[in-house]
Each structure stands twice: as C-alpha cells, then as structure tokens.
C-alpha cells in the first residue's frame, strides 16, 4: 500500500492497514495496538513518520531473522523506532522554528503543559481523603515536579518519562487495593477479554489485559491519568 493511497483514510486505519500489508499477519490489530496508534495521533506524530518507521522496523526484522521467521504481529515491535524518528523530526522542526522570530519554543510550550499537569495533580491530592492514596499522589506530584525542573536538551523524551510515572502510579495503587477488590477487578478484565483472547497470541493478550485492567481501575476509583495534555 503506497503512502498516496492512504490519504483518504483516517490515521488509525492508515497505520493499521500499512502494518498489516507489510506483515500479512491478519486482518486487524489488537486493542492495545489501537491505543498505541491513537497516542501517536494525539501527540501529533505525522503519518509518514509513523509509516516510514514501521517499514524500517519490518525490513530490519527480516534482515536480522531471515524471511522464514514469522513477522511481528503487534505494532509495538515498531514503537521505539516511531518514537526515535519522531524525536528526530521534532529536532529538525525545532531547528527551523528557531529561525522564525516571535514564535514560542517547543520546550517552553511543553513546560507550560507540564505545569498544567502538576496543577491537576496538586488539586486531586488536596481533594483526596484516603491518606494512603493521598501519599501516593504526593509522590507522583514530586516526581513530576522534579521532571519539569530537569528538562535538558532531550526534553522530547519527557513524554516517555511521564508515561513511566503513570505506570508507577497505577502499579502502586493496585498494591493498596484489598485482595478481594483486586481479584474482582482482574476477573472483570478477564471476562471482558474472553471473547477476544482466541484472536491474540499470549504476548498481545497480556499487554491488552494490563491496558484494560488499568482502564477499569481508573474508572472505578476515579484516578487521574498522569499524561501531558494537548
């Protein structure tokens, strides 16, 4: 599938169809793959950047493992390459941006977005009545604040660092849950995925399960998602 033919499709469909056309691994991706693609779109990763990185990843896989080994079934295999290419793209864009007087630097804009996130965490922390959860939010607040004060030349990687903080937050919250509540949550996630399990390999299922579990715990307990907004 050429890049031109994808112009009339939406972002998710473009990336999905391009990946499947290269790997010939099925007719659809997993829910977790869709989540990854949507995050790329939300962050403004250009379609050509994503597709070129995917193509490079699949070609590299073939050169490394040969043509007889089954190709990757999940787009997560190409995720790091997409991130690397996006960082390079942003670097070129920022370089050109500095030549245009009167425009804010990307770094300053990003700092403003982080400040919005920090303010959100602070407000949620103040409202939280459970002492253990409040303490956890405080830890997350301090980590995010420290991150914002240590932004250097590689500031574009802050998105990845914020994702790590969010992952830490969810994992720590799960530790605070009672065994019965945690078991019930896991069971609910398993039931919701039961009809889709047969369509996924073990690795894809485990990733999708964790993603769904995290979504359920956020909805059930009204947890803040630690992310940089638009």
C-alpha atoms as a PDB file:
ATOM      1  CA  UNK A   1       0.000   0.000   0.000  1.00  0.00           C
ATOM      2  CA  UNK A   2       1.500   3.313  -1.033  1.00  0.00           C
ATOM      3  CA  UNK A   3       1.526   6.457   1.047  1.00  0.00           C
ATOM      4  CA  UNK A   4      -0.646   8.186  -1.553  1.00  0.00           C
ATOM      5  CA  UNK A   5      -3.419   5.630  -1.301  1.00  0.00           C
ATOM      6  CA  UNK A   6      -3.720   6.239   2.405  1.00  0.00           C
ATOM      7  CA  UNK A   7      -4.650   9.908   2.080  1.00  0.00           C
ATOM      8  CA  UNK A   8      -8.388   9.195   2.131  1.00  0.00           C
ATOM      9  CA  UNK A   9      -8.255   7.042   5.287  1.00  0.00           C
ATOM     10  CA  UNK A  10      -8.183   8.163   8.898  1.00  0.00           C
ATOM     11  CA  UNK A  11      -4.942   7.986  10.874  1.00  0.00           C
ATOM     12  CA  UNK A  12      -5.688   4.750  12.739  1.00  0.00           C
ATOM     13  CA  UNK A  13      -6.848   2.907   9.623  1.00  0.00           C
ATOM     14  CA  UNK A  14      -3.851   4.142   7.637  1.00  0.00           C
ATOM     15  CA  UNK A  15      -1.317   2.866  10.154  1.00  0.00           C
ATOM     16  CA  UNK A  16      -3.177  -0.394  10.762  1.00  0.00           C
ATOM     17  CA  UNK A  17      -3.559  -1.246   7.077  1.00  0.00           C
ATOM     18  CA  UNK A  18       0.018  -0.299   6.291  1.00  0.00           C
ATOM     19  CA  UNK A  19       1.396  -2.511   9.097  1.00  0.00           C
ATOM     20  CA  UNK A  20      -0.813  -5.445   8.072  1.00  0.00           C
ATOM     21  CA  UNK A  21       0.145  -5.003   4.411  1.00  0.00           C
ATOM     22  CA  UNK A  22       3.814  -5.344   5.369  1.00  0.00           C
ATOM     23  CA  UNK A  23       3.458  -8.216   7.834  1.00  0.00           C
ATOM     24  CA  UNK A  24       0.468 -10.088   6.386  1.00  0.00           C
ATOM     25  CA  UNK A  25      -0.274 -11.320   9.924  1.00  0.00           C
ATOM     26  CA  UNK A  26      -4.061 -10.929   9.957  1.00  0.00           C
ATOM     27  CA  UNK A  27      -6.976  -8.631   9.277  1.00  0.00           C
ATOM     28  CA  UNK A  28      -6.922  -6.479  12.414  1.00  0.00           C
ATOM     29  CA  UNK A  29      -4.667  -5.361  15.249  1.00  0.00           C
ATOM     30  CA  UNK A  30      -5.239  -5.779  18.982  1.00  0.00           C
ATOM     31  CA  UNK A  31      -6.940  -3.172  21.221  1.00  0.00           C
ATOM     32  CA  UNK A  32      -3.538  -2.317  22.705  1.00  0.00           C
ATOM     33  CA  UNK A  33      -2.136  -1.671  19.227  1.00  0.00           C
ATOM     34  CA  UNK A  34      -5.051   0.681  18.568  1.00  0.00           C
ATOM     35  CA  UNK A  35      -4.258   2.503  21.802  1.00  0.00           C
ATOM     36  CA  UNK A  36      -0.627   2.948  20.728  1.00  0.00           C
ATOM     37  CA  UNK A  37      -1.655   4.312  17.322  1.00  0.00           C
ATOM     38  CA  UNK A  38      -4.176   6.708  18.882  1.00  0.00           C
ATOM     39  CA  UNK A  39      -1.484   8.004  21.239  1.00  0.00           C
ATOM     40  CA  UNK A  40       0.729   8.730  18.221  1.00  0.00           C
ATOM     41  CA  UNK A  41      -2.064  10.664  16.573  1.00  0.00           C
ATOM     42  CA  UNK A  42      -2.859  12.569  19.771  1.00  0.00           C
ATOM     43  CA  UNK A  43       0.774  13.622  20.143  1.00  0.00           C
ATOM     44  CA  UNK A  44       0.916  14.810  16.554  1.00  0.00           C
ATOM     45  CA  UNK A  45       3.257  12.193  15.118  1.00  0.00           C
ATOM     46  CA  UNK A  46       2.910  12.671  11.342  1.00  0.00           C
ATOM     47  CA  UNK A  47       1.512   9.741   9.386  1.00  0.00           C
ATOM     48  CA  UNK A  48       4.554   9.500   7.125  1.00  0.00           C
ATOM     49  CA  UNK A  49       6.887   9.429  10.143  1.00  0.00           C
ATOM     50  CA  UNK A  50       4.956   6.535  11.710  1.00  0.00           C
ATOM     51  CA  UNK A  51       4.686   4.546   8.474  1.00  0.00           C
ATOM     52  CA  UNK A  52       8.314   5.022   7.464  1.00  0.00           C
ATOM     53  CA  UNK A  53       9.460   3.868  10.911  1.00  0.00           C
ATOM     54  CA  UNK A  54       7.181   0.816  10.705  1.00  0.00           C
ATOM     55  CA  UNK A  55       8.581  -0.075   7.284  1.00  0.00           C
ATOM     56  CA  UNK A  56      12.122   0.303   8.575  1.00  0.00           C
ATOM     57  CA  UNK A  57      11.321  -1.905  11.564  1.00  0.00           C
ATOM     58  CA  UNK A  58       9.871  -4.722   9.462  1.00  0.00           C
ATOM     59  CA  UNK A  59      12.754  -4.575   6.984  1.00  0.00           C
ATOM     60  CA  UNK A  60      15.234  -4.698   9.860  1.00  0.00           C
ATOM     61  CA  UNK A  61      13.409  -7.711  11.331  1.00  0.00           C
ATOM     62  CA  UNK A  62      13.696  -9.573   8.016  1.00  0.00           C
ATOM     63  CA  UNK A  63      17.409  -8.824   7.717  1.00  0.00           C
ATOM     64  CA  UNK A  64      18.054  -9.917  11.299  1.00  0.00           C
ATOM     65  CA  UNK A  65      15.889 -13.041  11.479  1.00  0.00           C
ATOM     66  CA  UNK A  66      15.589 -14.060   7.840  1.00  0.00           C
ATOM     67  CA  UNK A  67      12.492 -14.463   5.715  1.00  0.00           C
ATOM     68  CA  UNK A  68      11.345 -17.768   7.205  1.00  0.00           C
ATOM     69  CA  UNK A  69      10.606 -16.482  10.701  1.00  0.00           C
ATOM     70  CA  UNK A  70       7.035 -15.183  11.249  1.00  0.00           C
ATOM     71  CA  UNK A  71       6.861 -11.395  11.200  1.00  0.00           C
ATOM     72  CA  UNK A  72       5.794  -9.396  14.288  1.00  0.00           C
ATOM     73  CA  UNK A  73       2.059  -9.470  14.987  1.00  0.00           C
ATOM     74  CA  UNK A  74       1.988  -6.344  17.143  1.00  0.00           C
ATOM     75  CA  UNK A  75       2.790  -2.797  16.117  1.00  0.00           C
ATOM     76  CA  UNK A  76       4.509  -2.435  19.475  1.00  0.00           C
ATOM     77  CA  UNK A  77       7.542  -4.017  17.805  1.00  0.00           C
ATOM     78  CA  UNK A  78       7.988  -0.776  15.846  1.00  0.00           C
ATOM     79  CA  UNK A  79       7.061   1.586  18.693  1.00  0.00           C
ATOM     80  CA  UNK A  80      10.627   2.548  19.651  1.00  0.00           C
ATOM     81  CA  UNK A  81      11.536   3.284  16.036  1.00  0.00           C
ATOM     82  CA  UNK A  82       8.498   5.533  15.662  1.00  0.00           C
ATOM     83  CA  UNK A  83       9.491   7.388  18.845  1.00  0.00           C
ATOM     84  CA  UNK A  84      13.080   7.807  17.634  1.00  0.00           C
ATOM     85  CA  UNK A  85      12.007   9.115  14.240  1.00  0.00           C
ATOM     86  CA  UNK A  86       9.539  11.499  15.868  1.00  0.00           C
ATOM     87  CA  UNK A  87      12.260  12.886  18.132  1.00  0.00           C
ATOM     88  CA  UNK A  88      14.481  13.460  15.087  1.00  0.00           C
ATOM     89  CA  UNK A  89      11.565  15.062  13.247  1.00  0.00           C
ATOM     90  CA  UNK A  90      10.844  17.367  16.180  1.00  0.00           C
ATOM     91  CA  UNK A  91      14.521  18.235  16.398  1.00  0.00           C
ATOM     92  CA  UNK A  92      14.529  19.312  12.761  1.00  0.00           C
ATOM     93  CA  UNK A  93      11.287  21.185  13.275  1.00  0.00           C
ATOM     94  CA  UNK A  94      12.622  22.973  16.346  1.00  0.00           C
ATOM     95  CA  UNK A  95      15.787  23.886  14.443  1.00  0.00           C
ATOM     96  CA  UNK A  96      13.695  25.548  11.748  1.00  0.00           C
ATOM     97  CA  UNK A  97      11.389  27.021  14.353  1.00  0.00           C
ATOM     98  CA  UNK A  98      14.228  28.951  15.999  1.00  0.00           C
ATOM     99  CA  UNK A  99      14.708  30.864  12.742  1.00  0.00           C
ATOM    100  CA  UNK A 100      11.203  32.298  12.957  1.00  0.00           C
ATOM    101  CA  UNK A 101      11.102  35.281  15.283  1.00  0.00           C
ATOM    102  CA  UNK A 102       8.141  35.768  17.567  1.00  0.00           C
ATOM    103  CA  UNK A 103       7.226  32.077  17.978  1.00  0.00           C
ATOM    104  CA  UNK A 104       7.467  30.206  21.279  1.00  0.00           C
ATOM    105  CA  UNK A 105       9.978  27.422  21.516  1.00  0.00           C
ATOM    106  CA  UNK A 106       8.598  23.887  21.763  1.00  0.00           C
ATOM    107  CA  UNK A 107      10.414  23.476  25.036  1.00  0.00           C
ATOM    108  CA  UNK A 108       8.578  26.416  26.606  1.00  0.00           C
ATOM    109  CA  UNK A 109       5.240  25.133  25.343  1.00  0.00           C
ATOM    110  CA  UNK A 110       5.994  21.718  26.804  1.00  0.00           C
ATOM    111  CA  UNK A 111       6.902  23.260  30.153  1.00  0.00           C
ATOM    112  CA  UNK A 112       3.541  25.019  30.222  1.00  0.00           C
ATOM    113  CA  UNK A 113       1.771  21.722  29.558  1.00  0.00           C
ATOM    114  CA  UNK A 114       3.684  20.055  32.373  1.00  0.00           C
ATOM    115  CA  UNK A 115       2.711  22.884  34.708  1.00  0.00           C
ATOM    116  CA  UNK A 116      -0.943  22.208  33.860  1.00  0.00           C
ATOM    117  CA  UNK A 117      -0.401  18.542  34.737  1.00  0.00           C
ATOM    118  CA  UNK A 118       1.331  19.433  38.004  1.00  0.00           C
ATOM    119  CA  UNK A 119      -1.558  21.726  38.950  1.00  0.00           C
ATOM    120  CA  UNK A 120      -4.038  18.911  38.233  1.00  0.00           C
ATOM    121  CA  UNK A 121      -2.111  16.507  40.446  1.00  0.00           C
ATOM    122  CA  UNK A 122      -1.981  19.101  43.224  1.00  0.00           C
ATOM    123  CA  UNK A 123      -5.756  19.658  43.104  1.00  0.00           C
ATOM    124  CA  UNK A 124      -6.521  15.934  43.132  1.00  0.00           C
ATOM    125  CA  UNK A 125      -4.101  15.466  46.032  1.00  0.00           C
ATOM    126  CA  UNK A 126      -5.832  18.179  48.053  1.00  0.00           C
ATOM    127  CA  UNK A 127      -9.250  16.576  47.449  1.00  0.00           C
ATOM    128  CA  UNK A 128      -8.160  13.019  48.219  1.00  0.00           C
ATOM    129  CA  UNK A 129      -9.466  11.808  51.593  1.00  0.00           C
ATOM    130  CA  UNK A 130      -7.733   8.430  51.757  1.00  0.00           C
ATOM    131  CA  UNK A 131      -4.380   9.021  53.444  1.00  0.00           C
ATOM    132  CA  UNK A 132      -2.528   6.263  51.567  1.00  0.00           C
ATOM    133  CA  UNK A 133      -3.800   7.381  48.183  1.00  0.00           C
ATOM    134  CA  UNK A 134      -3.062  10.985  49.093  1.00  0.00           C
ATOM    135  CA  UNK A 135       0.506   9.996  49.932  1.00  0.00           C
ATOM    136  CA  UNK A 136       0.800   8.229  46.575  1.00  0.00           C
ATOM    137  CA  UNK A 137      -0.443  11.306  44.725  1.00  0.00           C
ATOM    138  CA  UNK A 138       2.108  13.372  46.642  1.00  0.00           C
ATOM    139  CA  UNK A 139       4.894  11.084  45.456  1.00  0.00           C
ATOM    140  CA  UNK A 140       3.650  11.380  41.877  1.00  0.00           C
ATOM    141  CA  UNK A 141       3.464  15.161  42.263  1.00  0.00           C
ATOM    142  CA  UNK A 142       7.064  15.335  43.480  1.00  0.00           C
ATOM    143  CA  UNK A 143       8.315  13.101  40.669  1.00  0.00           C
ATOM    144  CA  UNK A 144       6.565  15.168  38.027  1.00  0.00           C
ATOM    145  CA  UNK A 145       7.789  18.412  39.573  1.00  0.00           C
ATOM    146  CA  UNK A 146      11.361  17.102  39.607  1.00  0.00           C
ATOM    147  CA  UNK A 147      10.999  16.044  35.990  1.00  0.00           C
ATOM    148  CA  UNK A 148       9.872  19.515  34.943  1.00  0.00           C
ATOM    149  CA  UNK A 149      12.868  21.125  36.638  1.00  0.00           C
ATOM    150  CA  UNK A 150      15.386  18.827  34.951  1.00  0.00           C
ATOM    151  CA  UNK A 151      14.426  19.245  31.313  1.00  0.00           C
ATOM    152  CA  UNK A 152      17.533  19.460  29.179  1.00  0.00           C
ATOM    153  CA  UNK A 153      18.327  19.068  25.520  1.00  0.00           C
ATOM    154  CA  UNK A 154      16.476  15.755  25.332  1.00  0.00           C
ATOM    155  CA  UNK A 155      13.242  17.298  26.565  1.00  0.00           C
ATOM    156  CA  UNK A 156      11.133  15.462  23.978  1.00  0.00           C
ATOM    157  CA  UNK A 157      11.696  12.245  25.910  1.00  0.00           C
ATOM    158  CA  UNK A 158       9.655  13.727  28.732  1.00  0.00           C
ATOM    159  CA  UNK A 159       6.569  12.065  27.251  1.00  0.00           C
ATOM    160  CA  UNK A 160       8.144   8.683  27.918  1.00  0.00           C
ATOM    161  CA  UNK A 161       9.138   9.710  31.439  1.00  0.00           C
ATOM    162  CA  UNK A 162       5.603  10.866  32.230  1.00  0.00           C
ATOM    163  CA  UNK A 163       4.275   7.517  30.977  1.00  0.00           C
ATOM    164  CA  UNK A 164       6.657   5.798  33.406  1.00  0.00           C
ATOM    165  CA  UNK A 165       5.293   7.901  36.264  1.00  0.00           C
ATOM    166  CA  UNK A 166       1.735   6.970  35.305  1.00  0.00           C
ATOM    167  CA  UNK A 167       2.675   3.280  35.191  1.00  0.00           C
ATOM    168  CA  UNK A 168       4.256   3.591  38.636  1.00  0.00           C
ATOM    169  CA  UNK A 169       1.127   5.311  39.946  1.00  0.00           C
ATOM    170  CA  UNK A 170      -1.216   2.555  38.747  1.00  0.00           C
ATOM    171  CA  UNK A 171       1.010  -0.270  39.983  1.00  0.00           C
ATOM    172  CA  UNK A 172       1.334   1.320  43.413  1.00  0.00           C
ATOM    173  CA  UNK A 173      -2.419   1.900  43.627  1.00  0.00           C
ATOM    174  CA  UNK A 174      -3.052  -1.765  42.839  1.00  0.00           C
ATOM    175  CA  UNK A 175      -0.843  -2.614  45.806  1.00  0.00           C
ATOM    176  CA  UNK A 176      -3.122  -0.526  48.019  1.00  0.00           C
ATOM    177  CA  UNK A 177      -6.264  -2.405  46.976  1.00  0.00           C
ATOM    178  CA  UNK A 178      -7.664  -5.177  49.140  1.00  0.00           C
ATOM    179  CA  UNK A 179      -7.080  -8.729  47.839  1.00  0.00           C
ATOM    180  CA  UNK A 180     -10.828  -9.194  47.259  1.00  0.00           C
ATOM    181  CA  UNK A 181     -11.197  -5.959  45.295  1.00  0.00           C
ATOM    182  CA  UNK A 182      -8.102  -6.713  43.238  1.00  0.00           C
ATOM    183  CA  UNK A 183      -9.315 -10.235  42.465  1.00  0.00           C
ATOM    184  CA  UNK A 184     -12.707  -8.882  41.384  1.00  0.00           C
ATOM    185  CA  UNK A 185     -11.019  -6.319  39.144  1.00  0.00           C
ATOM    186  CA  UNK A 186      -8.827  -8.957  37.500  1.00  0.00           C
ATOM    187  CA  UNK A 187     -11.818 -11.222  36.966  1.00  0.00           C
ATOM    188  CA  UNK A 188     -13.785  -8.420  35.315  1.00  0.00           C
ATOM    189  CA  UNK A 189     -10.891  -7.694  32.952  1.00  0.00           C
ATOM    190  CA  UNK A 190     -10.599 -11.386  32.063  1.00  0.00           C
ATOM    191  CA  UNK A 191     -14.324 -11.640  31.343  1.00  0.00           C
ATOM    192  CA  UNK A 192     -14.270  -8.587  29.088  1.00  0.00           C
ATOM    193  CA  UNK A 193     -11.395 -10.060  27.079  1.00  0.00           C
ATOM    194  CA  UNK A 194     -12.674 -13.643  26.992  1.00  0.00           C
ATOM    195  CA  UNK A 195     -14.229 -13.291  23.532  1.00  0.00           C
ATOM    196  CA  UNK A 196     -11.085 -11.696  22.084  1.00  0.00           C
ATOM    197  CA  UNK A 197      -8.492 -13.978  23.681  1.00  0.00           C
ATOM    198  CA  UNK A 198      -8.625 -16.538  20.894  1.00  0.00           C
ATOM    199  CA  UNK A 199      -7.650 -13.854  18.361  1.00  0.00           C
ATOM    200  CA  UNK A 200      -4.442 -12.871  20.171  1.00  0.00           C
ATOM    201  CA  UNK A 201      -1.176 -14.568  20.997  1.00  0.00           C
ATOM    202  CA  UNK A 202      -0.082 -14.714  24.643  1.00  0.00           C
ATOM    203  CA  UNK A 203       2.076 -11.597  24.481  1.00  0.00           C
ATOM    204  CA  UNK A 204      -0.645  -9.490  22.873  1.00  0.00           C
ATOM    205  CA  UNK A 205      -3.220 -10.805  25.342  1.00  0.00           C
ATOM    206  CA  UNK A 206      -1.087  -9.936  28.363  1.00  0.00           C
ATOM    207  CA  UNK A 207      -0.452  -6.398  27.107  1.00  0.00           C
ATOM    208  CA  UNK A 208      -4.125  -5.879  26.312  1.00  0.00           C
ATOM    209  CA  UNK A 209      -5.145  -7.311  29.676  1.00  0.00           C
ATOM    210  CA  UNK A 210      -2.898  -4.875  31.547  1.00  0.00           C
ATOM    211  CA  UNK A 211      -4.209  -1.975  29.481  1.00  0.00           C
ATOM    212  CA  UNK A 212      -7.825  -2.938  30.198  1.00  0.00           C
ATOM    213  CA  UNK A 213      -7.108  -3.562  33.872  1.00  0.00           C
ATOM    214  CA  UNK A 214      -5.598  -0.088  34.196  1.00  0.00           C
ATOM    215  CA  UNK A 215      -8.590   1.450  32.435  1.00  0.00           C
ATOM    216  CA  UNK A 216     -11.021  -0.315  34.779  1.00  0.00           C
ATOM    217  CA  UNK A 217      -9.195   0.723  37.933  1.00  0.00           C
ATOM    218  CA  UNK A 218      -9.113   4.351  36.765  1.00  0.00           C
ATOM    219  CA  UNK A 219     -12.836   4.354  36.050  1.00  0.00           C
ATOM    220  CA  UNK A 220     -13.792   2.559  39.244  1.00  0.00           C
ATOM    221  CA  UNK A 221     -11.759   4.736  41.599  1.00  0.00           C
ATOM    222  CA  UNK A 222     -11.724   7.981  39.619  1.00  0.00           C
ATOM    223  CA  UNK A 223      -7.945   8.044  39.321  1.00  0.00           C
ATOM    224  CA  UNK A 224      -6.159  10.809  37.465  1.00  0.00           C
ATOM    225  CA  UNK A 225      -4.261   9.747  34.355  1.00  0.00           C
ATOM    226  CA  UNK A 226      -0.775  11.168  34.523  1.00  0.00           C
ATOM    227  CA  UNK A 227      -0.278  12.467  30.996  1.00  0.00           C
ATOM    228  CA  UNK A 228       0.715  15.603  29.125  1.00  0.00           C
ATOM    229  CA  UNK A 229      -2.350  17.147  27.533  1.00  0.00           C
ATOM    230  CA  UNK A 230      -2.724  18.903  24.205  1.00  0.00           C
END
